[in-house]
């Protein structure tokens, strides 16, 4: 096959588009590998995040997404998500135990807390605590009074004055009754309850007790539940409850507050809500359940749907009637929660939302319960605010693991983040726009990058790793779509691995080239390794055999495959200086080639 003429090469240019296409075509295997890996990434993405539920075999991909999301939370500046100043936390902390006594201390302190907050103008108070058992601080007085009443029934003599005095003391120190009276005086109070999911949670609880708790919370189910398709609403409701079963989110029981306290929630602005927090598979809390179905019957049609402490707190804050707080659901599950004209929250099919954390622990203002009870806090701190009451003291505190790491994040502050996100509608969503962005990123970081890696030299292939930086640095209040990070990383690893093999092959080619140039004991004409004929001189050189011409044509194709080597020789030919670039990009014998060039023993 004749070598191309000089004019033909000059018309195209050394680094023209045609040479790039030829170079890409010679490395088309790299492109095909990129296409295959990109399609594999799309397949993994589809079956992992678009199925009915995440399959266990792909959980490792989801964990990589979790790690990426956690990293973005940790490095995001605080100024990106300022906290809502309307939320304040009252801590049952170590200082409170030192001042008010060992936990559980008398509920008279909670009664005084509500009175102080009422005087300071707090708008709603929510308790991340359950008061399921009677207060025991006045138990000796109640026992004495009960004993005196029993003696009266048996006809034994009892001092009437002493009996009256003991009765007054029992009423005076009846902490539960005082707490219930304070709830009625305040009005907008949300008490917390929690659901039991495991056999360990149910151990020691009788069915009668569970039935009592179920009856107490039955009146405070989700205010309004509305199907998107009324004609199939009943079946869609049952399907919604069944969707909780695969993830072990169907409760087997519940623990509620004392009947005395529950009956004190007389106003429409007061209610109860569950404060269960369900971590992800790696034990980190990233999502919040806004609804949970529960019932004691085996028939799902008899079950109710209950709202979380966060939903009930926002409802009380806006003073919304029951008909304006609506859960909408359809054939695929829960759809959204409407808070009248004030807010609208989109959820997944199980009523979950991805929390947009506003910072590490103690980002929201915390005030000690003891300081509030003793009126050491300025009234302006609570005026018109949402007050969350929770425990953080050692031994009694509800501490969780969040994206910020460690087991030191107060559980009550997780509820503060959820309430903040409801008020500002700032949850992290994964919708059609985010999914489209993921798919486009997989495609445009897959196939074009594969073409680029097929064209550049191996030392520049590592530059592709820097393309991961924008994905990791994306702020999490945008689409949390870095699940594609694994897909892109896998393709990069494959390309870089192949680049290493290519570099080793190129080194071997250089050794072969050098040995070819430096052969000794041969005629000087044998040093004409690369032969490119003059324009119009496509015939074989005089005195050269057919086999030798075949070998020179093969060497000519070798120069074509190495575009940089070919470019160096063309540059030297155009300049007529015979100077070769320093350093030489491949290992050929530079002085000998210069001598051959001046001797015109390398033909162009």
Protein backbone atom coordinates (compact mmCIF):
# COMPACT_ATOMS: atom_id res chain seq x y z
CA UNK A 1 0.00 0.00 0.00
CA UNK A 2 1.47 3.35 -1.02
CA UNK A 3 2.21 5.97 1.59
CA UNK A 4 0.20 9.21 1.44
CA UNK A 5 1.73 12.06 -0.47
CA UNK A 6 3.12 15.24 1.05
CA UNK A 7 0.36 17.42 -0.33
CA UNK A 8 -2.25 15.17 1.10
CA UNK A 9 -0.87 15.62 4.61
CA UNK A 10 -0.42 19.36 4.17
CA UNK A 11 -4.05 19.81 3.15
CA UNK A 12 -5.25 18.28 6.38
CA UNK A 13 -2.88 19.87 8.91
CA UNK A 14 -0.91 18.16 11.65
CA UNK A 15 -3.56 18.31 14.34
CA UNK A 16 -6.66 18.43 12.21
CA UNK A 17 -10.02 16.92 12.87
CA UNK A 18 -9.33 14.02 10.57
CA UNK A 19 -6.29 12.93 12.59
CA UNK A 20 -8.34 13.16 15.81
CA UNK A 21 -10.99 10.95 14.30
CA UNK A 22 -8.35 8.50 13.15
CA UNK A 23 -6.77 8.50 16.59
CA UNK A 24 -10.14 7.92 18.21
CA UNK A 25 -10.94 5.12 15.80
CA UNK A 26 -7.66 3.41 16.58
CA UNK A 27 -8.65 3.55 20.26
CA UNK A 28 -12.31 2.74 19.74
CA UNK A 29 -12.04 -0.08 22.26
CA UNK A 30 -11.71 2.56 24.99
CA UNK A 31 -14.87 4.21 23.74
CA UNK A 32 -16.76 0.93 23.65
CA UNK A 33 -15.66 0.19 27.20
CA UNK A 34 -16.95 3.61 28.26
CA UNK A 35 -20.29 2.97 26.56
CA UNK A 36 -20.60 -0.45 28.21
CA UNK A 37 -19.77 0.90 31.67
CA UNK A 38 -22.14 3.84 31.22
CA UNK A 39 -24.97 1.51 30.22
CA UNK A 40 -24.18 -0.71 33.19
CA UNK A 41 -24.32 2.35 35.46
CA UNK A 42 -27.70 3.31 34.02
CA UNK A 43 -28.96 -0.23 34.60
CA UNK A 44 -27.79 -0.18 38.22
CA UNK A 45 -29.34 3.25 38.70
CA UNK A 46 -32.70 2.10 37.34
CA UNK A 47 -33.04 -1.14 39.27
CA UNK A 48 -31.72 0.42 42.48
CA UNK A 49 -33.74 3.62 42.66
CA UNK A 50 -36.82 2.99 40.52
CA UNK A 51 -37.96 -0.40 41.81
CA UNK A 52 -40.70 -1.01 44.32
CA UNK A 53 -38.07 -1.03 47.04
CA UNK A 54 -34.30 -1.05 47.17
CA UNK A 55 -32.94 -4.54 46.54
CA UNK A 56 -30.41 -5.80 49.10
CA UNK A 57 -27.82 -6.62 46.45
CA UNK A 58 -27.51 -2.93 45.57
CA UNK A 59 -27.49 -1.57 49.12
CA UNK A 60 -23.78 -0.84 48.81
CA UNK A 61 -24.58 1.74 46.12
CA UNK A 62 -27.05 3.42 48.43
CA UNK A 63 -24.48 3.52 51.20
CA UNK A 64 -22.07 5.32 48.89
CA UNK A 65 -24.78 7.89 48.24
CA UNK A 66 -25.31 8.23 51.99
CA UNK A 67 -21.59 8.83 52.54
CA UNK A 68 -21.56 11.45 49.79
CA UNK A 69 -24.59 13.21 51.27
CA UNK A 70 -23.03 13.18 54.75
CA UNK A 71 -19.84 14.71 53.37
CA UNK A 72 -21.74 17.55 51.74
CA UNK A 73 -23.60 18.24 54.98
CA UNK A 74 -20.35 18.46 56.94
CA UNK A 75 -18.61 20.83 54.55
CA UNK A 76 -21.59 23.05 53.80
CA UNK A 77 -21.26 26.49 55.40
CA UNK A 78 -23.66 27.35 58.21
CA UNK A 79 -24.77 30.46 56.35
CA UNK A 80 -26.33 28.32 53.60
CA UNK A 81 -29.15 27.16 55.91
CA UNK A 82 -29.81 29.57 58.78
CA UNK A 83 -32.02 28.25 61.56
CA UNK A 84 -35.53 29.56 62.09
CA UNK A 85 -35.50 31.94 65.08
CA UNK A 86 -39.04 30.86 65.96
CA UNK A 87 -37.79 27.51 67.33
CA UNK A 88 -36.33 27.19 70.84
CA UNK A 89 -35.38 24.02 72.74
CA UNK A 90 -35.80 23.59 76.48
CA UNK A 91 -33.33 20.99 77.74
CA UNK A 92 -33.76 18.47 80.50
CA UNK A 93 -30.01 18.62 80.90
CA UNK A 94 -27.47 17.81 83.57
CA UNK A 95 -27.94 21.21 85.18
CA UNK A 96 -31.68 20.55 85.54
CA UNK A 97 -30.99 17.32 87.41
CA UNK A 98 -28.58 19.11 89.71
CA UNK A 99 -31.13 21.80 90.55
CA UNK A 100 -34.50 20.02 90.38
CA UNK A 101 -33.44 16.57 91.53
CA UNK A 102 -32.76 13.20 89.98
CA UNK A 103 -34.82 12.13 86.98
CA UNK A 104 -37.70 11.48 86.90
CA UNK A 105 -38.36 14.57 88.97
CA UNK A 106 -41.77 15.81 89.96
CA UNK A 107 -44.13 16.88 87.21
CA UNK A 108 -44.89 19.99 89.17
CA UNK A 109 -41.78 21.35 87.44
CA UNK A 110 -43.40 20.74 84.06
CA UNK A 111 -46.54 22.47 85.30
CA UNK A 112 -44.47 25.49 86.34
CA UNK A 113 -42.67 25.33 82.99
CA UNK A 114 -45.96 25.66 81.10
CA UNK A 115 -47.07 28.53 83.33
CA UNK A 116 -43.79 30.41 82.76
CA UNK A 117 -43.93 29.86 78.99
CA UNK A 118 -47.56 30.96 78.96
CA UNK A 119 -46.63 34.17 80.76
CA UNK A 120 -43.70 34.75 78.37
CA UNK A 121 -45.97 34.43 75.33
CA UNK A 122 -44.85 31.10 73.83
CA UNK A 123 -47.18 30.04 71.04
CA UNK A 124 -46.93 26.25 71.23
CA UNK A 125 -45.09 23.74 73.45
CA UNK A 126 -44.29 20.20 72.25
CA UNK A 127 -42.91 17.47 74.50
CA UNK A 128 -40.41 14.96 73.16
CA UNK A 129 -41.23 12.98 76.31
CA UNK A 130 -43.98 10.51 77.20
CA UNK A 131 -45.69 10.62 80.61
CA UNK A 132 -47.11 7.10 80.61
CA UNK A 133 -46.84 6.31 84.34
CA UNK A 134 -48.13 8.25 87.37
CA UNK A 135 -45.76 10.64 89.08
CA UNK A 136 -44.09 9.00 92.09
CA UNK A 137 -42.83 12.07 93.94
CA UNK A 138 -45.97 12.19 96.18
CA UNK A 139 -46.46 8.43 96.34
CA UNK A 140 -45.87 8.19 100.17
CA UNK A 141 -48.55 10.79 100.89
CA UNK A 142 -51.03 9.08 98.58
CA UNK A 143 -50.25 5.75 100.22
CA UNK A 144 -50.86 7.22 103.70
CA UNK A 145 -54.15 8.73 102.65
CA UNK A 146 -55.25 5.46 101.04
CA UNK A 147 -54.39 3.57 104.23
CA UNK A 148 -56.43 5.98 106.35
CA UNK A 149 -59.40 5.58 104.01
CA UNK A 150 -59.12 1.80 104.28
CA UNK A 151 -59.18 2.03 108.10
CA UNK A 152 -62.34 4.10 107.95
CA UNK A 153 -64.01 1.40 105.86
CA UNK A 154 -62.99 -1.27 108.38
CA UNK A 155 -64.47 0.82 111.21
CA UNK A 156 -61.15 1.58 112.87
CA UNK A 157 -60.77 4.95 114.60
CA UNK A 158 -59.04 7.68 112.53
CA UNK A 159 -58.31 11.24 113.57
CA UNK A 160 -60.56 13.40 111.33
CA UNK A 161 -58.20 16.37 111.44
CA UNK A 162 -55.23 14.24 110.44
CA UNK A 163 -57.23 12.65 107.64
CA UNK A 164 -58.24 16.05 106.30
CA UNK A 165 -54.67 17.33 106.46
CA UNK A 166 -53.30 14.29 104.65
CA UNK A 167 -55.98 14.67 101.99
CA UNK A 168 -54.99 18.30 101.44
CA UNK A 169 -51.33 17.36 101.16
CA UNK A 170 -52.13 14.60 98.65
CA UNK A 171 -54.07 17.08 96.52
CA UNK A 172 -51.39 19.72 96.89
CA UNK A 173 -48.63 17.41 95.76
CA UNK A 174 -50.61 15.65 93.04
CA UNK A 175 -48.11 16.50 90.30
CA UNK A 176 -50.11 14.83 87.51
CA UNK A 177 -53.21 16.84 88.31
CA UNK A 178 -51.21 20.06 88.44
CA UNK A 179 -49.59 19.23 85.14
CA UNK A 180 -52.99 18.54 83.56
CA UNK A 181 -54.31 21.86 84.86
CA UNK A 182 -51.29 23.68 83.40
CA UNK A 183 -51.94 22.01 80.02
CA UNK A 184 -55.50 23.29 80.06
CA UNK A 185 -54.37 26.80 80.98
CA UNK A 186 -51.75 26.92 78.22
CA UNK A 187 -53.92 25.44 75.47
CA UNK A 188 -51.59 24.72 72.51
CA UNK A 189 -49.69 21.75 73.93
CA UNK A 190 -48.54 18.72 71.95
CA UNK A 191 -47.73 15.61 73.98
CA UNK A 192 -45.51 12.90 72.60
CA UNK A 193 -46.13 9.19 72.26
CA UNK A 194 -44.12 6.45 70.57
CA UNK A 195 -44.77 3.21 68.74
CA UNK A 196 -43.34 -0.19 69.60
CA UNK A 197 -41.97 -2.33 66.76
CA UNK A 198 -40.03 -5.24 68.24
CA UNK A 199 -40.74 -8.07 70.63
CA UNK A 200 -38.25 -6.55 73.06
CA UNK A 201 -40.36 -3.38 73.15
CA UNK A 202 -43.49 -5.38 73.94
CA UNK A 203 -41.92 -7.52 76.63
CA UNK A 204 -43.73 -6.95 79.96
CA UNK A 205 -46.74 -5.17 78.42
CA UNK A 206 -50.14 -6.85 78.61
CA UNK A 207 -52.73 -6.68 75.86
CA UNK A 208 -55.04 -4.74 78.15
CA UNK A 209 -52.40 -2.07 78.63
CA UNK A 210 -51.76 -1.84 74.88
CA UNK A 211 -55.49 -1.55 74.24
CA UNK A 212 -55.70 1.29 76.78
CA UNK A 213 -52.87 3.16 75.09
CA UNK A 214 -54.46 2.59 71.67
CA UNK A 215 -57.76 4.05 72.86
CA UNK A 216 -56.00 7.12 74.25
CA UNK A 217 -54.34 8.05 70.96
CA UNK A 218 -57.24 6.99 68.73
CA UNK A 219 -58.87 10.40 69.08
CA UNK A 220 -55.68 12.09 67.83
CA UNK A 221 -55.21 10.31 64.51
CA UNK A 222 -54.30 12.31 61.41
CA UNK A 223 -56.75 15.23 61.19
CA UNK A 224 -57.88 14.61 57.60
CA UNK A 225 -57.01 11.85 55.13
CA UNK A 226 -58.10 12.30 51.52
CA UNK A 227 -57.66 9.94 48.57
CA UNK A 228 -56.63 11.30 45.18
CA UNK A 229 -58.98 8.81 43.52
CA UNK A 230 -62.22 8.55 45.52
CA UNK A 231 -63.44 5.56 43.53
CA UNK A 232 -60.49 3.44 44.77
CA UNK A 233 -59.83 5.31 47.99
CA UNK A 234 -60.56 2.44 50.38
CA UNK A 235 -58.27 -0.01 48.58
CA UNK A 236 -55.57 2.62 48.15
CA UNK A 237 -55.67 3.27 51.90
CA UNK A 238 -55.16 -0.44 52.62
CA UNK A 239 -52.35 -0.60 50.07
CA UNK A 240 -50.71 2.40 51.72
CA UNK A 241 -50.63 0.61 55.07
CA UNK A 242 -49.30 -2.57 53.53
CA UNK A 243 -46.38 -0.67 52.03
CA UNK A 244 -44.99 -0.11 55.54
CA UNK A 245 -44.66 -3.85 56.16
CA UNK A 246 -41.53 -4.67 54.06
CA UNK A 247 -39.51 -1.99 55.90
CA UNK A 248 -40.71 -3.17 59.34
CA UNK A 249 -42.48 0.12 59.98
CA UNK A 250 -45.81 -1.36 61.07
CA UNK A 251 -46.07 -0.93 64.86
CA UNK A 252 -47.01 -3.81 67.13
CA UNK A 253 -47.98 -1.55 69.98
CA UNK A 254 -47.88 1.99 71.32
CA UNK A 255 -47.15 3.77 74.56
CA UNK A 256 -49.17 6.88 75.30
CA UNK A 257 -49.57 9.39 78.10
CA UNK A 258 -51.68 9.12 81.21
CA UNK A 259 -55.39 9.34 80.61
CA UNK A 260 -55.52 12.34 82.94
CA UNK A 261 -53.03 14.23 80.77
CA UNK A 262 -54.61 13.13 77.48
CA UNK A 263 -58.03 14.33 78.65
CA UNK A 264 -56.50 17.73 79.40
CA UNK A 265 -55.91 18.26 75.68
CA UNK A 266 -59.30 19.83 75.25
CA UNK A 267 -58.60 22.56 72.73
CA UNK A 268 -58.33 21.97 69.00
CA UNK A 269 -54.82 23.40 69.01
CA UNK A 270 -53.66 20.67 71.41
CA UNK A 271 -52.94 17.09 70.35
CA UNK A 272 -50.50 14.20 70.54
CA UNK A 273 -47.97 12.97 67.99
CA UNK A 274 -45.40 10.20 67.78
CA UNK A 275 -41.72 11.08 68.07
CA UNK A 276 -40.22 7.86 66.68
CA UNK A 277 -37.07 8.40 64.61
CA UNK A 278 -36.11 5.64 62.17
CA UNK A 279 -32.45 5.49 61.06
CA UNK A 280 -31.22 4.25 57.69
CA UNK A 281 -29.52 0.89 57.17
CA UNK A 282 -26.20 2.31 58.41
CA UNK A 283 -27.71 3.62 61.66
CA UNK A 284 -27.68 7.30 60.64
CA UNK A 285 -30.85 9.41 60.83
CA UNK A 286 -31.44 11.17 57.52
CA UNK A 287 -35.20 10.81 57.01
CA UNK A 288 -38.26 11.62 59.07
CA UNK A 289 -41.54 9.72 59.04
CA UNK A 290 -44.44 12.14 59.08
CA UNK A 291 -47.11 9.41 59.22
CA UNK A 292 -47.39 5.91 60.69
CA UNK A 293 -50.43 3.57 60.45
CA UNK A 294 -51.46 1.76 63.62
CA UNK A 295 -54.29 -0.39 64.91
CA UNK A 296 -54.95 -3.33 67.21
CA UNK A 297 -57.09 -5.19 64.69
CA UNK A 298 -55.76 -7.63 62.14
CA UNK A 299 -57.84 -5.93 59.46
CA UNK A 300 -56.07 -2.92 57.93
CA UNK A 301 -59.42 -1.29 57.20
CA UNK A 302 -59.83 -0.75 60.96
CA UNK A 303 -56.46 0.97 61.33
CA UNK A 304 -55.84 4.70 61.54
CA UNK A 305 -53.01 6.88 60.28
CA UNK A 306 -51.23 8.98 62.89
CA UNK A 307 -49.25 12.18 62.48
CA UNK A 308 -45.80 12.83 63.87
CA UNK A 309 -44.97 15.27 66.65
CA UNK A 310 -43.60 17.62 63.99
CA UNK A 311 -46.82 17.69 61.95
CA UNK A 312 -48.98 18.27 65.02
CA UNK A 313 -46.66 21.02 66.27
CA UNK A 314 -46.84 22.95 62.98
CA UNK A 315 -50.61 22.50 62.96
CA UNK A 316 -50.85 23.95 66.46
CA UNK A 317 -48.50 26.80 65.56
CA UNK A 318 -50.66 27.88 62.63
CA UNK A 319 -53.86 27.20 64.63
CA UNK A 320 -55.25 25.23 61.71
CA UNK A 321 -58.56 23.37 62.04
CA UNK A 322 -58.62 19.63 61.39
CA UNK A 323 -60.09 19.93 57.90
CA UNK A 324 -57.16 22.05 56.70
CA UNK A 325 -54.41 19.59 57.67
CA UNK A 326 -54.80 16.96 54.96
CA UNK A 327 -52.86 13.86 53.99
CA UNK A 328 -53.36 13.02 50.32
CA UNK A 329 -52.62 9.52 49.08
CA UNK A 330 -53.06 7.62 45.86
CA UNK A 331 -52.48 4.20 44.31
CA UNK A 332 -48.69 4.46 44.77
CA UNK A 333 -48.93 5.54 48.43
CA UNK A 334 -48.71 8.84 50.28
CA UNK A 335 -48.41 11.90 48.09
CA UNK A 336 -48.35 15.13 50.12
CA UNK A 337 -49.41 16.84 53.34
CA UNK A 338 -51.24 20.15 53.17
CA UNK A 339 -51.13 22.67 56.01
CA UNK A 340 -53.91 24.88 54.71
CA UNK A 341 -52.51 27.88 52.80
CA UNK A 342 -49.41 27.97 55.01
CA UNK A 343 -47.32 25.02 53.82
CA UNK A 344 -47.25 22.00 51.55
CA UNK A 345 -44.92 19.03 51.97
CA UNK A 346 -44.27 16.38 49.32
CA UNK A 347 -43.43 12.96 50.73
CA UNK A 348 -42.45 9.58 49.37
CA UNK A 349 -44.92 6.70 49.23
CA UNK A 350 -44.41 6.01 52.96
CA UNK A 351 -44.83 9.60 54.08
CA UNK A 352 -41.10 10.12 54.59
CA UNK A 353 -39.02 13.20 53.90
CA UNK A 354 -35.26 13.71 53.63
CA UNK A 355 -34.20 16.10 56.39
CA UNK A 356 -32.25 19.17 55.37
CA UNK A 357 -30.16 19.46 58.52
CA UNK A 358 -29.23 23.02 59.44
CA UNK A 359 -26.04 22.18 61.27
CA UNK A 360 -24.46 19.88 63.87
CA UNK A 361 -25.81 19.42 67.36
CA UNK A 362 -26.80 22.48 69.40
CA UNK A 363 -27.23 24.66 66.32
CA UNK A 364 -30.65 25.72 67.63
CA UNK A 365 -30.79 27.68 70.90
CA UNK A 366 -30.98 25.45 74.00
CA UNK A 367 -32.22 26.65 77.38
CA UNK A 368 -32.02 24.65 80.60
CA UNK A 369 -35.34 23.57 82.09
CA UNK A 370 -34.15 24.61 85.55
CA UNK A 371 -33.35 28.13 84.35
CA UNK A 372 -36.77 28.49 82.71
CA UNK A 373 -38.62 27.25 85.80
CA UNK A 374 -36.67 29.67 88.00
CA UNK A 375 -37.39 32.52 85.53
CA UNK A 376 -33.75 33.17 84.72
CA UNK A 377 -34.47 33.48 80.99
CA UNK A 378 -35.68 36.69 79.41
CA UNK A 379 -39.36 36.54 78.32
CA UNK A 380 -38.38 37.74 74.83
CA UNK A 381 -36.65 34.42 74.19
CA UNK A 382 -40.00 32.55 74.09
CA UNK A 383 -42.41 35.20 72.88
CA UNK A 384 -44.33 33.87 69.87
CA UNK A 385 -41.99 30.85 69.59
CA UNK A 386 -42.28 27.09 69.14
CA UNK A 387 -40.83 25.51 72.28
CA UNK A 388 -39.61 21.90 72.15
CA UNK A 389 -38.97 20.11 75.44
CA UNK A 390 -36.57 17.16 75.37
CA UNK A 391 -33.87 15.36 77.34
CA UNK A 392 -30.14 15.62 76.67
CA UNK A 393 -28.72 14.77 80.13
CA UNK A 394 -26.35 11.84 80.49
CA UNK A 395 -28.24 8.61 81.11
CA UNK A 396 -31.66 9.91 80.05
CA UNK A 397 -30.87 11.86 76.88
CA UNK A 398 -32.15 10.74 73.49
CA UNK A 399 -28.96 10.97 71.42
CA UNK A 400 -28.76 9.96 67.76
CA UNK A 401 -26.28 9.62 64.92
CA UNK A 402 -26.78 12.10 62.09
CA UNK A 403 -24.77 12.96 58.95
CA UNK A 404 -22.45 15.02 61.15
CA UNK A 405 -21.14 11.85 62.79
CA UNK A 406 -20.90 10.71 66.39
CA UNK A 407 -23.62 9.58 68.77
CA UNK A 408 -24.21 12.99 70.31
CA UNK A 409 -26.97 14.65 68.30
CA UNK A 410 -30.00 15.44 70.52
CA UNK A 411 -33.14 13.72 69.32
CA UNK A 412 -35.21 16.79 70.16
CA UNK A 413 -33.06 18.80 67.74
CA UNK A 414 -33.91 16.39 64.93
CA UNK A 415 -37.54 17.39 65.46
CA UNK A 416 -36.46 21.03 65.40
CA UNK A 417 -34.89 20.48 61.97
CA UNK A 418 -38.01 18.76 60.65
CA UNK A 419 -40.28 21.55 61.91
CA UNK A 420 -37.95 24.11 60.37
CA UNK A 421 -38.09 22.31 57.02
CA UNK A 422 -41.91 22.18 57.16
CA UNK A 423 -42.16 25.89 57.91
CA UNK A 424 -39.83 26.78 55.03
CA UNK A 425 -40.64 23.79 52.76
CA UNK A 426 -36.93 23.09 52.46
CA UNK A 427 -36.75 19.30 52.56
CA UNK A 428 -34.39 17.55 50.16
CA UNK A 429 -36.46 16.18 47.32
CA UNK A 430 -35.81 13.64 44.59
CA UNK A 431 -38.25 14.26 41.81
CA UNK A 432 -38.35 14.15 38.03
CA UNK A 433 -35.92 17.08 37.66
CA UNK A 434 -33.37 15.52 39.97
CA UNK A 435 -33.66 12.14 38.26
CA UNK A 436 -33.20 13.76 34.84
CA UNK A 437 -30.12 15.57 36.15
CA UNK A 438 -28.70 12.26 37.40
CA UNK A 439 -29.24 10.54 34.05
CA UNK A 440 -27.72 13.42 32.09
CA UNK A 441 -24.69 13.52 34.36
CA UNK A 442 -24.14 9.77 33.97
CA UNK A 443 -24.35 10.08 30.19
CA UNK A 444 -22.31 13.26 29.72
CA UNK A 445 -19.66 12.27 32.21
CA UNK A 446 -19.53 8.77 30.76
CA UNK A 447 -19.42 8.70 26.96
CA UNK A 448 -17.72 12.09 26.27
CA UNK A 449 -15.14 11.42 28.95
CA UNK A 450 -14.49 8.03 27.38
CA UNK A 451 -13.84 9.70 24.02
CA UNK A 452 -11.50 12.18 25.68
CA UNK A 453 -9.55 9.46 27.45
CA UNK A 454 -9.18 7.62 24.16
CA UNK A 455 -7.51 10.67 22.60
CA UNK A 456 -5.17 11.94 25.31
CA UNK A 457 -1.95 10.45 26.54
CA UNK A 458 -2.00 8.28 29.68
CA UNK A 459 -0.46 10.97 31.91
CA UNK A 460 -3.50 13.22 31.32
CA UNK A 461 -6.07 10.51 32.04
CA UNK A 462 -5.80 11.14 35.78
CA UNK A 463 -7.29 14.55 35.11
CA UNK A 464 -10.65 12.79 34.79
CA UNK A 465 -10.60 12.05 38.51
CA UNK A 466 -11.02 15.79 39.21
CA UNK A 467 -14.45 15.62 37.60
CA UNK A 468 -15.67 13.97 40.81
CA UNK A 469 -14.99 17.16 42.80
CA UNK A 470 -18.06 19.12 41.57
CA UNK A 471 -20.29 16.17 42.40
CA UNK A 472 -18.96 15.83 45.94
CA UNK A 473 -19.05 19.58 46.56
CA UNK A 474 -22.67 20.06 45.49
CA UNK A 475 -24.61 21.62 48.34
CA UNK A 476 -27.21 19.18 49.73
CA UNK A 477 -30.09 21.61 49.60
CA UNK A 478 -30.05 20.94 45.88
CA UNK A 479 -30.91 17.60 44.36
CA UNK A 480 -29.15 14.92 46.42
CA UNK A 481 -28.31 13.06 43.23
CA UNK A 482 -24.76 12.01 43.90
CA UNK A 483 -25.82 8.41 43.80
CA UNK A 484 -24.34 8.59 40.32
CA UNK A 485 -20.98 9.09 42.06
CA UNK A 486 -20.43 5.35 42.26
CA UNK A 487 -21.33 4.86 38.62
CA UNK A 488 -18.90 7.53 37.46
CA UNK A 489 -16.19 6.36 39.84
CA UNK A 490 -16.51 2.80 38.60
CA UNK A 491 -16.09 3.94 35.00
CA UNK A 492 -13.11 6.12 35.94
CA UNK A 493 -11.42 3.24 37.72
CA UNK A 494 -11.88 1.04 34.67
CA UNK A 495 -10.51 3.73 32.35
CA UNK A 496 -7.52 4.46 34.57
CA UNK A 497 -6.78 0.76 34.90
CA UNK A 498 -6.83 0.45 31.14
CA UNK A 499 -4.67 3.57 30.90
CA UNK A 500 -2.05 1.87 33.03
CA UNK A 501 -2.04 -1.11 30.70
CA UNK A 502 -1.76 1.22 27.73
CA UNK A 503 1.21 2.99 29.30
CA UNK A 504 2.98 -0.33 29.85
CA UNK A 505 2.32 -1.29 26.22
CA UNK A 506 3.66 2.04 25.03
CA UNK A 507 6.83 1.57 27.07
CA UNK A 508 7.30 -1.81 25.44
CA UNK A 509 6.83 -0.17 22.02
CA UNK A 510 9.48 2.38 22.84
CA UNK A 511 11.96 -0.36 23.67
CA UNK A 512 11.15 -2.05 20.39
CA UNK A 513 11.59 1.22 18.54
CA UNK A 514 14.93 1.94 20.16
CA UNK A 515 16.23 -1.52 19.47
CA UNK A 516 15.17 -1.16 15.88
CA UNK A 517 17.02 2.12 15.47
CA UNK A 518 20.09 1.03 17.33
CA UNK A 519 20.64 -2.25 15.48
CA UNK A 520 24.28 -2.89 14.78
CA UNK A 521 25.97 -5.04 12.22
CA UNK A 522 23.53 -4.09 9.49
CA UNK A 523 23.93 -1.96 6.43
CA UNK A 524 23.43 1.77 6.91
CA UNK A 525 20.34 1.66 4.71
CA UNK A 526 18.65 -0.61 7.27
CA UNK A 527 18.45 2.39 9.59
CA UNK A 528 15.72 3.86 7.42
CA UNK A 529 13.01 2.74 9.79
CA UNK A 530 10.31 5.24 8.77
CA UNK A 531 9.94 5.86 5.06
CA UNK A 532 7.47 8.40 3.70
CA UNK A 533 7.84 8.97 0.00
CA UNK A 534 8.00 12.28 -1.83
CA UNK A 535 4.90 13.55 -3.56
CA UNK A 536 4.30 11.40 -6.66
CA UNK A 537 7.00 8.88 -5.79
CA UNK A 538 4.80 6.03 -4.66
CA UNK A 539 6.90 3.39 -6.40
CA UNK A 540 9.34 1.28 -4.39
CA UNK A 541 12.91 2.56 -4.02
CA UNK A 542 15.45 1.20 -6.43
CA UNK A 543 17.34 -1.78 -5.17
CA UNK A 544 14.87 -2.57 -2.38
CA UNK A 545 13.25 -5.96 -2.18
CA UNK A 546 9.50 -6.51 -1.83
CA UNK A 547 9.86 -7.85 1.68
CA UNK A 548 11.88 -4.80 2.72
CA UNK A 549 9.29 -2.49 1.19
CA UNK A 550 6.56 -4.34 3.11
CA UNK A 551 8.49 -3.84 6.34
CA UNK A 552 8.92 -0.13 5.67
CA UNK A 553 5.20 0.23 4.98
CA UNK A 554 4.53 -1.44 8.33
CA UNK A 555 6.92 1.01 10.00
CA UNK A 556 5.17 3.84 8.22
CA UNK A 557 1.84 2.72 9.72
CA UNK A 558 3.55 2.62 13.12
CA UNK A 559 4.44 6.29 12.75
CA UNK A 560 0.83 7.01 11.83
CA UNK A 561 -0.38 5.30 14.99
CA UNK A 562 1.85 7.54 17.10
CA UNK A 563 0.54 10.97 16.27
CA UNK A 564 3.07 12.86 18.41
CA UNK A 565 6.04 11.11 16.79
CA UNK A 566 4.61 11.79 13.36
CA UNK A 567 3.99 15.43 14.29
CA UNK A 568 7.63 15.88 15.39
CA UNK A 569 8.96 14.63 12.07
CA UNK A 570 6.55 16.77 10.06
CA UNK A 571 7.53 19.81 12.10
CA UNK A 572 11.21 19.14 11.44
CA UNK A 573 10.50 18.67 7.75
CA UNK A 574 8.60 21.97 7.43
CA UNK A 575 11.30 23.96 9.25
CA UNK A 576 14.09 22.42 7.08
CA UNK A 577 16.31 22.67 10.13
CA UNK A 578 16.40 19.05 11.04
CA UNK A 579 15.91 19.99 14.71
CA UNK A 580 13.96 17.52 16.72
CA UNK A 581 11.99 18.51 19.87
CA UNK A 582 13.59 18.34 23.29
CA UNK A 583 12.94 16.07 25.04
CA UNK A 584 12.04 13.43 22.48
CA UNK A 585 8.60 12.04 23.40
CA UNK A 586 9.56 8.47 22.43
CA UNK A 587 12.81 6.66 22.97
CA UNK A 588 14.43 6.79 19.56
CA UNK A 589 18.12 7.54 19.00
CA UNK A 590 18.12 11.31 18.42
CA UNK A 591 21.69 11.88 17.15
CA UNK A 592 21.49 8.98 14.71
CA UNK A 593 18.12 10.19 13.40
CA UNK A 594 19.54 13.70 12.92
CA UNK A 595 22.44 12.26 10.95
CA UNK A 596 20.04 10.24 8.84
CA UNK A 597 17.92 13.29 8.26
CA UNK A 598 20.84 15.38 7.00
CA UNK A 599 22.03 12.46 4.90
CA UNK A 600 18.52 12.31 3.39
CA UNK A 601 18.25 8.69 4.39
CA UNK A 602 14.87 9.30 5.93
CA UNK A 603 12.51 9.90 3.03
CA UNK A 604 9.42 12.12 3.37
